[in-house]
Amino acid sequence: MSGQDSSGRGGGNSQSSSWSSHRSAPSELAVANRPLLSRGLFLLLGLLAIGIGLYELRGVLTPSFTALGIAYLLDPVVDRFEARRIPRGVGITIVLTFLALAVTLFSLLVLPGVIREVSQFVSDLPDELSDLVRQLEPVLARYDVPVPHSLDEALEQLEMDPATIASHAAQPVEAVLRGVLGGTASALGGMASALIVPVLAFYLLYDFDRMVQGARELVPLRIRPQVVEVASEIDQMLGQFVRGQLLVMIAMAVLYGIAYSLVGVRLAVPIALIAGLLAFIPYVGSGSARARGLLMCVVDWDGWLKPVLVVVAYGVCQFLEGFVIVPRVVGDKVGL
């Protein structure tokens, strides 16, 4: 009996100890997970604080990041001048001067023509639309589609009030004016940014190699070779891709501008500039050039010849982009 009692008590103790161990295991796991949760919470709060700080300082940081991007893109060119025994300061001055001249020539030669062409198109648009409706009227009347003969009649058919449309259309203009007159996008702010960016770019270019060396020395010695090797490969590939993509964007803008101008498409230069700016997005830049070119042909309709020529010009530009420009400018540099 005593043996059974002792064994029974022993069995009960073992069961109770196992039960207590099972009960204590989740509590120990929870205690172990508390540091992880606290670290995640602190990390989230830190990222949120950094994001809010960047948003609040966007007016100050935008020129700085712009200058840093310019310095990153132009540093290889300055290094080539330095390799030819030209002082770094002189090389930076030459590169930034050529960049400023290019921007100035673009602003003086291209932008006025673009603004003039867009203004002329906007003033001619009502007459162009009236001519288009007049040409489509027999076809629409065949299918019993009512054709408006004036803007007021079109608004009546759409059950729209001109005053309501004007008020809604004025809201974006009011927002833009409010931002221009009372925000960081004022004229003085723009002039200050235009002066700050080249100065910052000059100093960043002058000390770019020192900054890279300083960042390299911040890496611990035991992992520095691996980190430097990976970072060098990333910098080489990314820099060559970005610089090559910029050249592709410029080349496509020039190609579309020349092709559409020869065809006689209205707003050829603005369409080409938009296509060049969007060329880094696959299919979007070329698609916008084709769609806008055909839309201009419809608005300024004078037969099927011009749309066919637009499609042919688009095909030629796409062929040159896919088989000549991108493989030679970007593909060889990044191994594609």
C-alpha atoms as a PDB file:
ATOM      1  CA  MET A   1       0.000   0.000   0.000  1.00  0.00           C
ATOM      2  CA  SER A   2       2.768   2.326   0.912  1.00  0.00           C
ATOM      3  CA  GLY A   3       4.499   1.521  -2.387  1.00  0.00           C
ATOM      4  CA  GLN A   4       1.322   2.146  -4.273  1.00  0.00           C
ATOM      5  CA  ASP A   5       0.718   5.325  -2.332  1.00  0.00           C
ATOM      6  CA  SER A   6       4.229   6.504  -2.936  1.00  0.00           C
ATOM      7  CA  SER A   7       4.021   5.577  -6.567  1.00  0.00           C
ATOM      8  CA  GLY A   8       0.645   7.198  -6.862  1.00  0.00           C
ATOM      9  CA  ARG A   9       1.910  10.307  -5.177  1.00  0.00           C
ATOM     10  CA  GLY A  10       4.992  10.180  -7.367  1.00  0.00           C
ATOM     11  CA  GLY A  11       2.832   9.857 -10.473  1.00  0.00           C
ATOM     12  CA  GLY A  12       0.724  12.743  -9.315  1.00  0.00           C
ATOM     13  CA  ASN A  13       3.822  14.872  -8.724  1.00  0.00           C
ATOM     14  CA  SER A  14       5.173  14.034 -12.170  1.00  0.00           C
ATOM     15  CA  GLN A  15       1.853  14.917 -13.759  1.00  0.00           C
ATOM     16  CA  SER A  16       1.652  18.151 -11.827  1.00  0.00           C
ATOM     17  CA  SER A  17       5.249  19.024 -12.737  1.00  0.00           C
ATOM     18  CA  SER A  18       4.601  18.312 -16.403  1.00  0.00           C
ATOM     19  CA  TRP A  19       1.423  20.365 -16.231  1.00  0.00           C
ATOM     20  CA  SER A  20       3.278  23.233 -14.616  1.00  0.00           C
ATOM     21  CA  SER A  21       5.995  23.015 -17.252  1.00  0.00           C
ATOM     22  CA  HIS A  22       3.351  23.133 -19.979  1.00  0.00           C
ATOM     23  CA  ARG A  23       1.795  26.157 -18.301  1.00  0.00           C
ATOM     24  CA  SER A  24       5.106  27.951 -17.899  1.00  0.00           C
ATOM     25  CA  ALA A  25       6.250  27.342 -21.494  1.00  0.00           C
ATOM     26  CA  PRO A  26       3.845  29.851 -23.137  1.00  0.00           C
ATOM     27  CA  SER A  27       4.694  32.490 -20.576  1.00  0.00           C
ATOM     28  CA  GLU A  28       8.428  32.052 -21.262  1.00  0.00           C
ATOM     29  CA  LEU A  29       7.734  32.272 -25.018  1.00  0.00           C
ATOM     30  CA  ALA A  30       5.762  35.468 -24.517  1.00  0.00           C
ATOM     31  CA  VAL A  31       8.576  36.961 -22.459  1.00  0.00           C
ATOM     32  CA  ALA A  32      11.063  36.005 -25.175  1.00  0.00           C
ATOM     33  CA  ASN A  33       8.889  37.645 -27.855  1.00  0.00           C
ATOM     34  CA  ARG A  34       8.531  40.929 -25.986  1.00  0.00           C
ATOM     35  CA  PRO A  35      11.934  42.310 -27.089  1.00  0.00           C
ATOM     36  CA  LEU A  36      11.126  41.458 -30.699  1.00  0.00           C
ATOM     37  CA  LEU A  37       7.786  43.261 -30.478  1.00  0.00           C
ATOM     38  CA  SER A  38       9.352  46.276 -28.802  1.00  0.00           C
ATOM     39  CA  ARG A  39      12.106  46.413 -31.437  1.00  0.00           C
ATOM     40  CA  GLY A  40       9.557  46.217 -34.247  1.00  0.00           C
ATOM     41  CA  LEU A  41       7.474  48.956 -32.640  1.00  0.00           C
ATOM     42  CA  PHE A  42      10.507  51.212 -32.197  1.00  0.00           C
ATOM     43  CA  LEU A  43      11.562  50.540 -35.802  1.00  0.00           C
ATOM     44  CA  LEU A  44       8.087  51.392 -37.083  1.00  0.00           C
ATOM     45  CA  LEU A  45       7.972  54.587 -35.032  1.00  0.00           C
ATOM     46  CA  GLY A  46      11.447  55.530 -36.224  1.00  0.00           C
ATOM     47  CA  LEU A  47      10.520  55.026 -39.884  1.00  0.00           C
ATOM     48  CA  LEU A  48       7.334  57.023 -39.349  1.00  0.00           C
ATOM     49  CA  ALA A  49       9.290  59.878 -37.746  1.00  0.00           C
ATOM     50  CA  ILE A  50      11.810  59.857 -40.619  1.00  0.00           C
ATOM     51  CA  GLY A  51       9.000  59.943 -43.176  1.00  0.00           C
ATOM     52  CA  ILE A  52       7.270  62.857 -41.438  1.00  0.00           C
ATOM     53  CA  GLY A  53      10.577  64.718 -41.161  1.00  0.00           C
ATOM     54  CA  LEU A  54      11.338  64.225 -44.861  1.00  0.00           C
ATOM     55  CA  TYR A  55       7.854  65.414 -45.797  1.00  0.00           C
ATOM     56  CA  GLU A  56       8.093  68.508 -43.630  1.00  0.00           C
ATOM     57  CA  LEU A  57      11.571  69.341 -44.963  1.00  0.00           C
ATOM     58  CA  ARG A  58      10.761  68.590 -48.609  1.00  0.00           C
ATOM     59  CA  GLY A  59      11.245  72.224 -49.627  1.00  0.00           C
ATOM     60  CA  VAL A  60      14.803  72.171 -48.274  1.00  0.00           C
ATOM     61  CA  LEU A  61      15.723  68.607 -49.204  1.00  0.00           C
ATOM     62  CA  THR A  62      14.532  68.737 -52.830  1.00  0.00           C
ATOM     63  CA  PRO A  63      17.438  70.942 -54.038  1.00  0.00           C
ATOM     64  CA  SER A  64      19.863  68.817 -52.020  1.00  0.00           C
ATOM     65  CA  PHE A  65      18.691  65.533 -53.520  1.00  0.00           C
ATOM     66  CA  THR A  66      18.607  67.109 -56.989  1.00  0.00           C
ATOM     67  CA  ALA A  67      22.210  68.253 -56.582  1.00  0.00           C
ATOM     68  CA  LEU A  68      23.186  64.815 -55.273  1.00  0.00           C
ATOM     69  CA  GLY A  69      21.605  63.153 -58.312  1.00  0.00           C
ATOM     70  CA  ILE A  70      23.443  65.507 -60.659  1.00  0.00           C
ATOM     71  CA  ALA A  71      26.722  64.803 -58.840  1.00  0.00           C
ATOM     72  CA  TYR A  72      26.169  61.039 -59.042  1.00  0.00           C
ATOM     73  CA  LEU A  73      25.450  61.168 -62.778  1.00  0.00           C
ATOM     74  CA  LEU A  74      28.314  63.520 -63.670  1.00  0.00           C
ATOM     75  CA  ASP A  75      31.021  62.063 -61.412  1.00  0.00           C
ATOM     76  CA  PRO A  76      32.360  59.621 -64.088  1.00  0.00           C
ATOM     77  CA  VAL A  77      32.713  62.504 -66.562  1.00  0.00           C
ATOM     78  CA  VAL A  78      34.642  64.562 -64.006  1.00  0.00           C
ATOM     79  CA  ASP A  79      36.823  61.533 -63.219  1.00  0.00           C
ATOM     80  CA  ARG A  80      37.754  61.312 -66.912  1.00  0.00           C
ATOM     81  CA  PHE A  81      38.857  64.953 -66.885  1.00  0.00           C
ATOM     82  CA  GLU A  82      40.872  64.249 -63.746  1.00  0.00           C
ATOM     83  CA  ALA A  83      42.477  61.195 -65.370  1.00  0.00           C
ATOM     84  CA  ARG A  84      43.728  63.486 -68.151  1.00  0.00           C
ATOM     85  CA  ARG A  85      45.548  65.601 -65.558  1.00  0.00           C
ATOM     86  CA  ILE A  86      42.909  68.347 -65.547  1.00  0.00           C
ATOM     87  CA  PRO A  87      42.290  69.695 -62.028  1.00  0.00           C
ATOM     88  CA  ARG A  88      39.033  68.434 -60.574  1.00  0.00           C
ATOM     89  CA  GLY A  89      37.683  71.914 -59.961  1.00  0.00           C
ATOM     90  CA  VAL A  90      38.300  72.909 -63.580  1.00  0.00           C
ATOM     91  CA  GLY A  91      36.659  69.713 -64.862  1.00  0.00           C
ATOM     92  CA  ILE A  92      33.591  70.295 -62.677  1.00  0.00           C
ATOM     93  CA  THR A  93      33.335  73.873 -63.944  1.00  0.00           C
ATOM     94  CA  ILE A  94      33.501  72.717 -67.574  1.00  0.00           C
ATOM     95  CA  VAL A  95      30.862  69.998 -67.083  1.00  0.00           C
ATOM     96  CA  LEU A  96      28.425  72.204 -65.173  1.00  0.00           C
ATOM     97  CA  THR A  97      28.901  75.024 -67.690  1.00  0.00           C
ATOM     98  CA  PHE A  98      27.999  72.739 -70.584  1.00  0.00           C
ATOM     99  CA  LEU A  99      24.985  71.463 -68.629  1.00  0.00           C
ATOM    100  CA  ALA A 100      23.831  75.011 -67.888  1.00  0.00           C
ATOM    101  CA  LEU A 101      24.271  75.973 -71.555  1.00  0.00           C
ATOM    102  CA  ALA A 102      22.231  72.967 -72.671  1.00  0.00           C
ATOM    103  CA  VAL A 103      19.410  73.838 -70.272  1.00  0.00           C
ATOM    104  CA  THR A 104      19.528  77.493 -71.323  1.00  0.00           C
ATOM    105  CA  LEU A 105      19.433  76.671 -75.038  1.00  0.00           C
ATOM    106  CA  PHE A 106      16.533  74.284 -74.473  1.00  0.00           C
ATOM    107  CA  SER A 107      14.656  76.965 -72.541  1.00  0.00           C
ATOM    108  CA  LEU A 108      15.297  79.643 -75.175  1.00  0.00           C
ATOM    109  CA  LEU A 109      14.908  77.627 -78.374  1.00  0.00           C
ATOM    110  CA  VAL A 110      12.445  74.837 -77.600  1.00  0.00           C
ATOM    111  CA  LEU A 111      10.137  75.994 -74.810  1.00  0.00           C
ATOM    112  CA  PRO A 112       8.901  79.196 -76.523  1.00  0.00           C
ATOM    113  CA  GLY A 113       7.990  77.226 -79.624  1.00  0.00           C
ATOM    114  CA  VAL A 114       6.217  74.590 -77.537  1.00  0.00           C
ATOM    115  CA  ILE A 115       4.229  77.239 -75.645  1.00  0.00           C
ATOM    116  CA  ARG A 116       3.347  79.030 -78.872  1.00  0.00           C
ATOM    117  CA  GLU A 117       2.251  75.802 -80.545  1.00  0.00           C
ATOM    118  CA  VAL A 118       0.125  74.717 -77.592  1.00  0.00           C
ATOM    119  CA  SER A 119      -1.513  78.156 -77.337  1.00  0.00           C
ATOM    120  CA  GLN A 120      -2.307  78.155 -81.039  1.00  0.00           C
ATOM    121  CA  PHE A 121      -3.767  74.655 -80.809  1.00  0.00           C
ATOM    122  CA  VAL A 122      -5.971  75.602 -77.840  1.00  0.00           C
ATOM    123  CA  SER A 123      -7.286  78.660 -79.691  1.00  0.00           C
ATOM    124  CA  ASP A 124      -7.978  76.594 -82.839  1.00  0.00           C
ATOM    125  CA  LEU A 125      -9.479  73.621 -80.992  1.00  0.00           C
ATOM    126  CA  PRO A 126     -13.152  74.803 -81.043  1.00  0.00           C
ATOM    127  CA  ASP A 127     -13.052  75.347 -84.800  1.00  0.00           C
ATOM    128  CA  GLU A 128     -11.285  72.026 -85.329  1.00  0.00           C
ATOM    129  CA  LEU A 129     -13.920  70.208 -83.267  1.00  0.00           C
ATOM    130  CA  SER A 130     -16.708  71.968 -85.145  1.00  0.00           C
ATOM    131  CA  ASP A 131     -15.232  70.845 -88.475  1.00  0.00           C
ATOM    132  CA  LEU A 132     -14.859  67.309 -87.140  1.00  0.00           C
ATOM    133  CA  VAL A 133     -18.487  67.211 -85.964  1.00  0.00           C
ATOM    134  CA  ARG A 134     -19.620  68.602 -89.312  1.00  0.00           C
ATOM    135  CA  GLN A 135     -17.796  65.788 -91.114  1.00  0.00           C
ATOM    136  CA  LEU A 136     -19.193  63.139 -88.763  1.00  0.00           C
ATOM    137  CA  GLU A 137     -22.749  64.503 -88.803  1.00  0.00           C
ATOM    138  CA  PRO A 138     -23.977  62.445 -91.816  1.00  0.00           C
ATOM    139  CA  VAL A 139     -22.639  59.231 -90.296  1.00  0.00           C
ATOM    140  CA  LEU A 140     -24.109  59.982 -86.864  1.00  0.00           C
ATOM    141  CA  ALA A 141     -27.442  61.039 -88.338  1.00  0.00           C
ATOM    142  CA  ARG A 142     -27.636  57.699 -90.155  1.00  0.00           C
ATOM    143  CA  TYR A 143     -27.640  55.986 -86.729  1.00  0.00           C
ATOM    144  CA  ASP A 144     -30.056  58.544 -85.189  1.00  0.00           C
ATOM    145  CA  VAL A 145     -27.383  60.043 -82.943  1.00  0.00           C
ATOM    146  CA  PRO A 146     -28.184  63.686 -82.081  1.00  0.00           C
ATOM    147  CA  VAL A 147     -25.383  65.996 -83.133  1.00  0.00           C
ATOM    148  CA  PRO A 148     -24.909  69.247 -81.145  1.00  0.00           C
ATOM    149  CA  HIS A 149     -24.193  72.329 -83.239  1.00  0.00           C
ATOM    150  CA  SER A 150     -22.873  74.492 -80.405  1.00  0.00           C
ATOM    151  CA  LEU A 151     -21.275  74.173 -76.992  1.00  0.00           C
ATOM    152  CA  ASP A 152     -24.460  75.214 -75.198  1.00  0.00           C
ATOM    153  CA  GLU A 153     -26.436  72.593 -77.091  1.00  0.00           C
ATOM    154  CA  ALA A 154     -23.850  69.927 -76.192  1.00  0.00           C
ATOM    155  CA  LEU A 155     -24.054  70.880 -72.518  1.00  0.00           C
ATOM    156  CA  GLU A 156     -27.845  70.732 -72.644  1.00  0.00           C
ATOM    157  CA  GLN A 157     -27.715  67.235 -74.132  1.00  0.00           C
ATOM    158  CA  LEU A 158     -25.327  66.150 -71.374  1.00  0.00           C
ATOM    159  CA  GLU A 159     -27.555  67.867 -68.756  1.00  0.00           C
ATOM    160  CA  MET A 160     -24.664  69.992 -67.489  1.00  0.00           C
ATOM    161  CA  ASP A 161     -24.760  73.523 -66.160  1.00  0.00           C
ATOM    162  CA  PRO A 162     -22.015  75.813 -67.556  1.00  0.00           C
ATOM    163  CA  ALA A 163     -21.698  77.602 -64.201  1.00  0.00           C
ATOM    164  CA  THR A 164     -21.125  74.297 -62.392  1.00  0.00           C
ATOM    165  CA  ILE A 165     -18.530  73.230 -64.953  1.00  0.00           C
ATOM    166  CA  ALA A 166     -16.746  76.568 -64.634  1.00  0.00           C
ATOM    167  CA  SER A 167     -16.661  76.332 -60.840  1.00  0.00           C
ATOM    168  CA  HIS A 168     -15.267  72.792 -60.939  1.00  0.00           C
ATOM    169  CA  ALA A 169     -12.734  73.749 -63.599  1.00  0.00           C
ATOM    170  CA  ALA A 170     -11.571  76.716 -61.544  1.00  0.00           C
ATOM    171  CA  GLN A 171     -10.752  74.622 -58.470  1.00  0.00           C
ATOM    172  CA  PRO A 172      -7.459  73.163 -59.827  1.00  0.00           C
ATOM    173  CA  VAL A 173      -6.444  76.611 -61.077  1.00  0.00           C
ATOM    174  CA  GLU A 174      -7.111  78.095 -57.647  1.00  0.00           C
ATOM    175  CA  ALA A 175      -5.031  75.349 -56.012  1.00  0.00           C
ATOM    176  CA  VAL A 176      -2.145  75.987 -58.395  1.00  0.00           C
ATOM    177  CA  LEU A 177      -2.271  79.735 -57.838  1.00  0.00           C
ATOM    178  CA  ARG A 178      -2.419  79.243 -54.092  1.00  0.00           C
ATOM    179  CA  GLY A 179       0.670  77.049 -54.243  1.00  0.00           C
ATOM    180  CA  VAL A 180       2.521  79.421 -56.544  1.00  0.00           C
ATOM    181  CA  LEU A 181       1.755  82.554 -54.565  1.00  0.00           C
ATOM    182  CA  GLY A 182       1.936  81.230 -51.028  1.00  0.00           C
ATOM    183  CA  GLY A 183       4.141  78.141 -50.949  1.00  0.00           C
ATOM    184  CA  THR A 184       7.667  76.986 -51.631  1.00  0.00           C
ATOM    185  CA  ALA A 185       6.976  77.110 -55.366  1.00  0.00           C
ATOM    186  CA  SER A 186       7.018  80.905 -55.420  1.00  0.00           C
ATOM    187  CA  ALA A 187       9.152  82.805 -57.882  1.00  0.00           C
ATOM    188  CA  LEU A 188      11.763  83.692 -55.274  1.00  0.00           C
ATOM    189  CA  GLY A 189      11.886  80.109 -54.064  1.00  0.00           C
ATOM    190  CA  GLY A 190      12.360  78.863 -57.610  1.00  0.00           C
ATOM    191  CA  MET A 191      15.160  81.341 -58.249  1.00  0.00           C
ATOM    192  CA  ALA A 192      16.838  80.375 -54.966  1.00  0.00           C
ATOM    193  CA  SER A 193      16.616  76.683 -55.842  1.00  0.00           C
ATOM    194  CA  ALA A 194      18.020  77.368 -59.307  1.00  0.00           C
ATOM    195  CA  LEU A 195      21.023  79.034 -57.680  1.00  0.00           C
ATOM    196  CA  ILE A 196      21.434  76.517 -54.855  1.00  0.00           C
ATOM    197  CA  VAL A 197      21.384  73.357 -56.990  1.00  0.00           C
ATOM    198  CA  PRO A 198      24.498  74.089 -59.119  1.00  0.00           C
ATOM    199  CA  VAL A 199      26.444  75.323 -56.074  1.00  0.00           C
ATOM    200  CA  LEU A 200      25.603  72.178 -54.104  1.00  0.00           C
ATOM    201  CA  ALA A 201      26.343  70.031 -57.158  1.00  0.00           C
ATOM    202  CA  PHE A 202      29.777  71.647 -57.482  1.00  0.00           C
ATOM    203  CA  TYR A 203      30.757  70.943 -53.879  1.00  0.00           C
ATOM    204  CA  LEU A 204      29.291  67.424 -53.956  1.00  0.00           C
ATOM    205  CA  LEU A 205      31.217  66.662 -57.143  1.00  0.00           C
ATOM    206  CA  TYR A 206      34.398  68.104 -55.671  1.00  0.00           C
ATOM    207  CA  ASP A 207      34.199  65.885 -52.556  1.00  0.00           C
ATOM    208  CA  PHE A 208      32.366  62.922 -54.114  1.00  0.00           C
ATOM    209  CA  ASP A 209      35.329  60.528 -53.931  1.00  0.00           C
ATOM    210  CA  ARG A 210      36.042  61.595 -50.332  1.00  0.00           C
ATOM    211  CA  MET A 211      32.433  60.937 -49.357  1.00  0.00           C
ATOM    212  CA  VAL A 212      32.561  57.483 -50.932  1.00  0.00           C
ATOM    213  CA  GLN A 213      35.804  56.753 -49.090  1.00  0.00           C
ATOM    214  CA  GLY A 214      34.306  57.975 -45.825  1.00  0.00           C
ATOM    215  CA  ALA A 215      31.264  55.754 -46.278  1.00  0.00           C
ATOM    216  CA  ARG A 216      33.573  52.817 -47.018  1.00  0.00           C
ATOM    217  CA  GLU A 217      35.493  53.381 -43.791  1.00  0.00           C
ATOM    218  CA  LEU A 218      32.269  53.263 -41.770  1.00  0.00           C
ATOM    219  CA  VAL A 219      31.824  49.580 -42.670  1.00  0.00           C
ATOM    220  CA  PRO A 220      33.378  47.164 -40.123  1.00  0.00           C
ATOM    221  CA  LEU A 221      36.694  45.669 -41.209  1.00  0.00           C
ATOM    222  CA  ARG A 222      35.559  42.055 -41.049  1.00  0.00           C
ATOM    223  CA  ILE A 223      32.854  42.563 -43.709  1.00  0.00           C
ATOM    224  CA  ARG A 224      34.318  45.549 -45.566  1.00  0.00           C
ATOM    225  CA  PRO A 225      35.715  43.611 -48.590  1.00  0.00           C
ATOM    226  CA  GLN A 226      32.403  41.864 -49.269  1.00  0.00           C
ATOM    227  CA  VAL A 227      30.333  45.033 -48.814  1.00  0.00           C
ATOM    228  CA  VAL A 228      32.672  47.103 -51.000  1.00  0.00           C
ATOM    229  CA  GLU A 229      32.599  44.474 -53.749  1.00  0.00           C
ATOM    230  CA  VAL A 230      28.792  44.241 -53.798  1.00  0.00           C
ATOM    231  CA  ALA A 231      28.362  48.020 -53.561  1.00  0.00           C
ATOM    232  CA  SER A 232      30.813  48.558 -56.428  1.00  0.00           C
ATOM    233  CA  GLU A 233      28.904  46.145 -58.660  1.00  0.00           C
ATOM    234  CA  ILE A 234      25.592  47.817 -57.778  1.00  0.00           C
ATOM    235  CA  ASP A 235      27.032  51.271 -58.418  1.00  0.00           C
ATOM    236  CA  GLN A 236      28.499  50.226 -61.760  1.00  0.00           C
ATOM    237  CA  MET A 237      25.309  48.596 -63.027  1.00  0.00           C
ATOM    238  CA  LEU A 238      22.910  51.200 -61.631  1.00  0.00           C
ATOM    239  CA  GLY A 239      24.961  54.184 -62.774  1.00  0.00           C
ATOM    240  CA  GLN A 240      25.419  52.851 -66.293  1.00  0.00           C
ATOM    241  CA  PHE A 241      21.736  51.940 -66.549  1.00  0.00           C
ATOM    242  CA  VAL A 242      20.529  55.358 -65.366  1.00  0.00           C
ATOM    243  CA  ARG A 243      22.928  57.279 -67.608  1.00  0.00           C
ATOM    244  CA  GLY A 244      22.089  55.062 -70.567  1.00  0.00           C
ATOM    245  CA  GLN A 245      18.364  55.416 -69.926  1.00  0.00           C
ATOM    246  CA  LEU A 246      18.684  59.204 -69.908  1.00  0.00           C
ATOM    247  CA  LEU A 247      20.416  59.048 -73.289  1.00  0.00           C
ATOM    248  CA  VAL A 248      17.637  56.797 -74.588  1.00  0.00           C
ATOM    249  CA  MET A 249      15.005  59.268 -73.374  1.00  0.00           C
ATOM    250  CA  ILE A 250      16.737  62.147 -75.166  1.00  0.00           C
ATOM    251  CA  ALA A 251      17.196  60.104 -78.349  1.00  0.00           C
ATOM    252  CA  MET A 252      13.531  59.022 -78.418  1.00  0.00           C
ATOM    253  CA  ALA A 253      12.327  62.592 -77.876  1.00  0.00           C
ATOM    254  CA  VAL A 254      14.451  63.740 -80.817  1.00  0.00           C
ATOM    255  CA  LEU A 255      13.319  60.838 -83.011  1.00  0.00           C
ATOM    256  CA  TYR A 256       9.597  61.317 -82.359  1.00  0.00           C
ATOM    257  CA  GLY A 257       9.931  65.077 -82.784  1.00  0.00           C
ATOM    258  CA  ILE A 258      11.628  64.738 -86.182  1.00  0.00           C
ATOM    259  CA  ALA A 259       9.337  61.944 -87.416  1.00  0.00           C
ATOM    260  CA  TYR A 260       6.057  63.601 -86.399  1.00  0.00           C
ATOM    261  CA  SER A 261       7.213  66.984 -87.690  1.00  0.00           C
ATOM    262  CA  LEU A 262       7.964  65.456 -91.100  1.00  0.00           C
ATOM    263  CA  VAL A 263       4.539  63.793 -91.139  1.00  0.00           C
ATOM    264  CA  GLY A 264       2.888  67.106 -90.244  1.00  0.00           C
ATOM    265  CA  VAL A 265       1.342  66.183 -86.889  1.00  0.00           C
ATOM    266  CA  ARG A 266       0.302  69.143 -84.785  1.00  0.00           C
ATOM    267  CA  LEU A 267       2.015  69.450 -81.387  1.00  0.00           C
ATOM    268  CA  ALA A 268       4.803  67.186 -82.646  1.00  0.00           C
ATOM    269  CA  VAL A 269       7.416  68.631 -80.281  1.00  0.00           C
ATOM    270  CA  PRO A 270       5.243  68.480 -77.104  1.00  0.00           C
ATOM    271  CA  ILE A 271       4.217  64.931 -77.966  1.00  0.00           C
ATOM    272  CA  ALA A 272       7.865  63.991 -78.481  1.00  0.00           C
ATOM    273  CA  LEU A 273       8.915  65.583 -75.173  1.00  0.00           C
ATOM    274  CA  ILE A 274       6.225  63.690 -73.259  1.00  0.00           C
ATOM    275  CA  ALA A 275       7.174  60.431 -75.004  1.00  0.00           C
ATOM    276  CA  GLY A 276      10.833  61.023 -74.149  1.00  0.00           C
ATOM    277  CA  LEU A 277      10.062  61.717 -70.484  1.00  0.00           C
ATOM    278  CA  LEU A 278       7.971  58.519 -70.269  1.00  0.00           C
ATOM    279  CA  ALA A 279      10.403  56.374 -72.263  1.00  0.00           C
ATOM    280  CA  PHE A 280      11.864  54.831 -69.100  1.00  0.00           C
ATOM    281  CA  ILE A 281       8.496  53.099 -68.457  1.00  0.00           C
ATOM    282  CA  PRO A 282       8.108  50.110 -70.814  1.00  0.00           C
ATOM    283  CA  TYR A 283       5.378  50.618 -73.433  1.00  0.00           C
ATOM    284  CA  VAL A 284       4.072  53.819 -71.794  1.00  0.00           C
ATOM    285  CA  GLY A 285       6.297  56.316 -73.609  1.00  0.00           C
ATOM    286  CA  SER A 286       5.848  54.748 -77.035  1.00  0.00           C
ATOM    287  CA  GLY A 287       2.144  54.139 -76.409  1.00  0.00           C
ATOM    288  CA  SER A 288       1.588  57.771 -75.474  1.00  0.00           C
ATOM    289  CA  ALA A 289       3.405  58.929 -78.621  1.00  0.00           C
ATOM    290  CA  ARG A 290       1.266  56.713 -80.840  1.00  0.00           C
ATOM    291  CA  ALA A 291      -2.021  57.584 -79.109  1.00  0.00           C
ATOM    292  CA  ARG A 292      -1.408  61.347 -79.107  1.00  0.00           C
ATOM    293  CA  GLY A 293      -0.202  61.322 -82.710  1.00  0.00           C
ATOM    294  CA  LEU A 294      -3.367  59.528 -83.862  1.00  0.00           C
ATOM    295  CA  LEU A 295      -5.521  61.807 -81.708  1.00  0.00           C
ATOM    296  CA  MET A 296      -4.028  64.864 -83.403  1.00  0.00           C
ATOM    297  CA  CYS A 297      -4.787  63.269 -86.771  1.00  0.00           C
ATOM    298  CA  VAL A 298      -8.425  62.800 -85.743  1.00  0.00           C
ATOM    299  CA  VAL A 299      -8.770  66.361 -84.444  1.00  0.00           C
ATOM    300  CA  ASP A 300      -7.080  67.803 -87.534  1.00  0.00           C
ATOM    301  CA  TRP A 301      -8.654  65.286 -89.913  1.00  0.00           C
ATOM    302  CA  ASP A 302      -7.819  65.612 -93.605  1.00  0.00           C
ATOM    303  CA  GLY A 303      -7.844  61.992 -94.779  1.00  0.00           C
ATOM    304  CA  TRP A 304      -6.379  58.586 -93.981  1.00  0.00           C
ATOM    305  CA  LEU A 305      -2.885  59.339 -95.259  1.00  0.00           C
ATOM    306  CA  LYS A 306      -1.660  61.136 -92.149  1.00  0.00           C
ATOM    307  CA  PRO A 307      -2.743  58.396 -89.654  1.00  0.00           C
ATOM    308  CA  VAL A 308      -1.022  55.794 -91.822  1.00  0.00           C
ATOM    309  CA  LEU A 309       2.147  57.898 -91.892  1.00  0.00           C
ATOM    310  CA  VAL A 310       1.947  58.296 -88.100  1.00  0.00           C
ATOM    311  CA  VAL A 311       1.785  54.522 -87.673  1.00  0.00           C
ATOM    312  CA  VAL A 312       4.731  54.093 -90.059  1.00  0.00           C
ATOM    313  CA  ALA A 313       6.767  56.756 -88.223  1.00  0.00           C
ATOM    314  CA  TYR A 314       5.914  55.116 -84.907  1.00  0.00           C
ATOM    315  CA  GLY A 315       7.047  51.725 -86.245  1.00  0.00           C
ATOM    316  CA  VAL A 316      10.347  53.157 -87.474  1.00  0.00           C
ATOM    317  CA  CYS A 317      11.001  54.819 -84.098  1.00  0.00           C
ATOM    318  CA  GLN A 318      10.168  51.606 -82.258  1.00  0.00           C
ATOM    319  CA  PHE A 319      12.483  49.606 -84.529  1.00  0.00           C
ATOM    320  CA  LEU A 320      15.349  52.018 -83.921  1.00  0.00           C
ATOM    321  CA  GLU A 321      14.708  52.002 -80.178  1.00  0.00           C
ATOM    322  CA  GLY A 322      14.511  48.227 -79.829  1.00  0.00           C
ATOM    323  CA  PHE A 323      17.254  47.159 -82.230  1.00  0.00           C
ATOM    324  CA  VAL A 324      19.715  50.050 -82.332  1.00  0.00           C
ATOM    325  CA  ILE A 325      19.490  52.589 -79.510  1.00  0.00           C
ATOM    326  CA  VAL A 326      18.721  50.474 -76.416  1.00  0.00           C
ATOM    327  CA  PRO A 327      21.123  47.591 -77.253  1.00  0.00           C
ATOM    328  CA  ARG A 328      24.004  49.963 -77.992  1.00  0.00           C
ATOM    329  CA  VAL A 329      23.394  52.525 -75.261  1.00  0.00           C
ATOM    330  CA  VAL A 330      22.049  50.413 -72.375  1.00  0.00           C
ATOM    331  CA  GLY A 331      22.337  46.745 -73.273  1.00  0.00           C
ATOM    332  CA  ASP A 332      26.097  46.512 -73.700  1.00  0.00           C
ATOM    333  CA  LYS A 333      26.708  48.372 -70.445  1.00  0.00           C
ATOM    334  CA  VAL A 334      24.475  46.298 -68.176  1.00  0.00           C
ATOM    335  CA  GLY A 335      24.966  42.951 -69.876  1.00  0.00           C
ATOM    336  CA  LEU A 336      21.569  42.645 -71.579  1.00  0.00           C
END
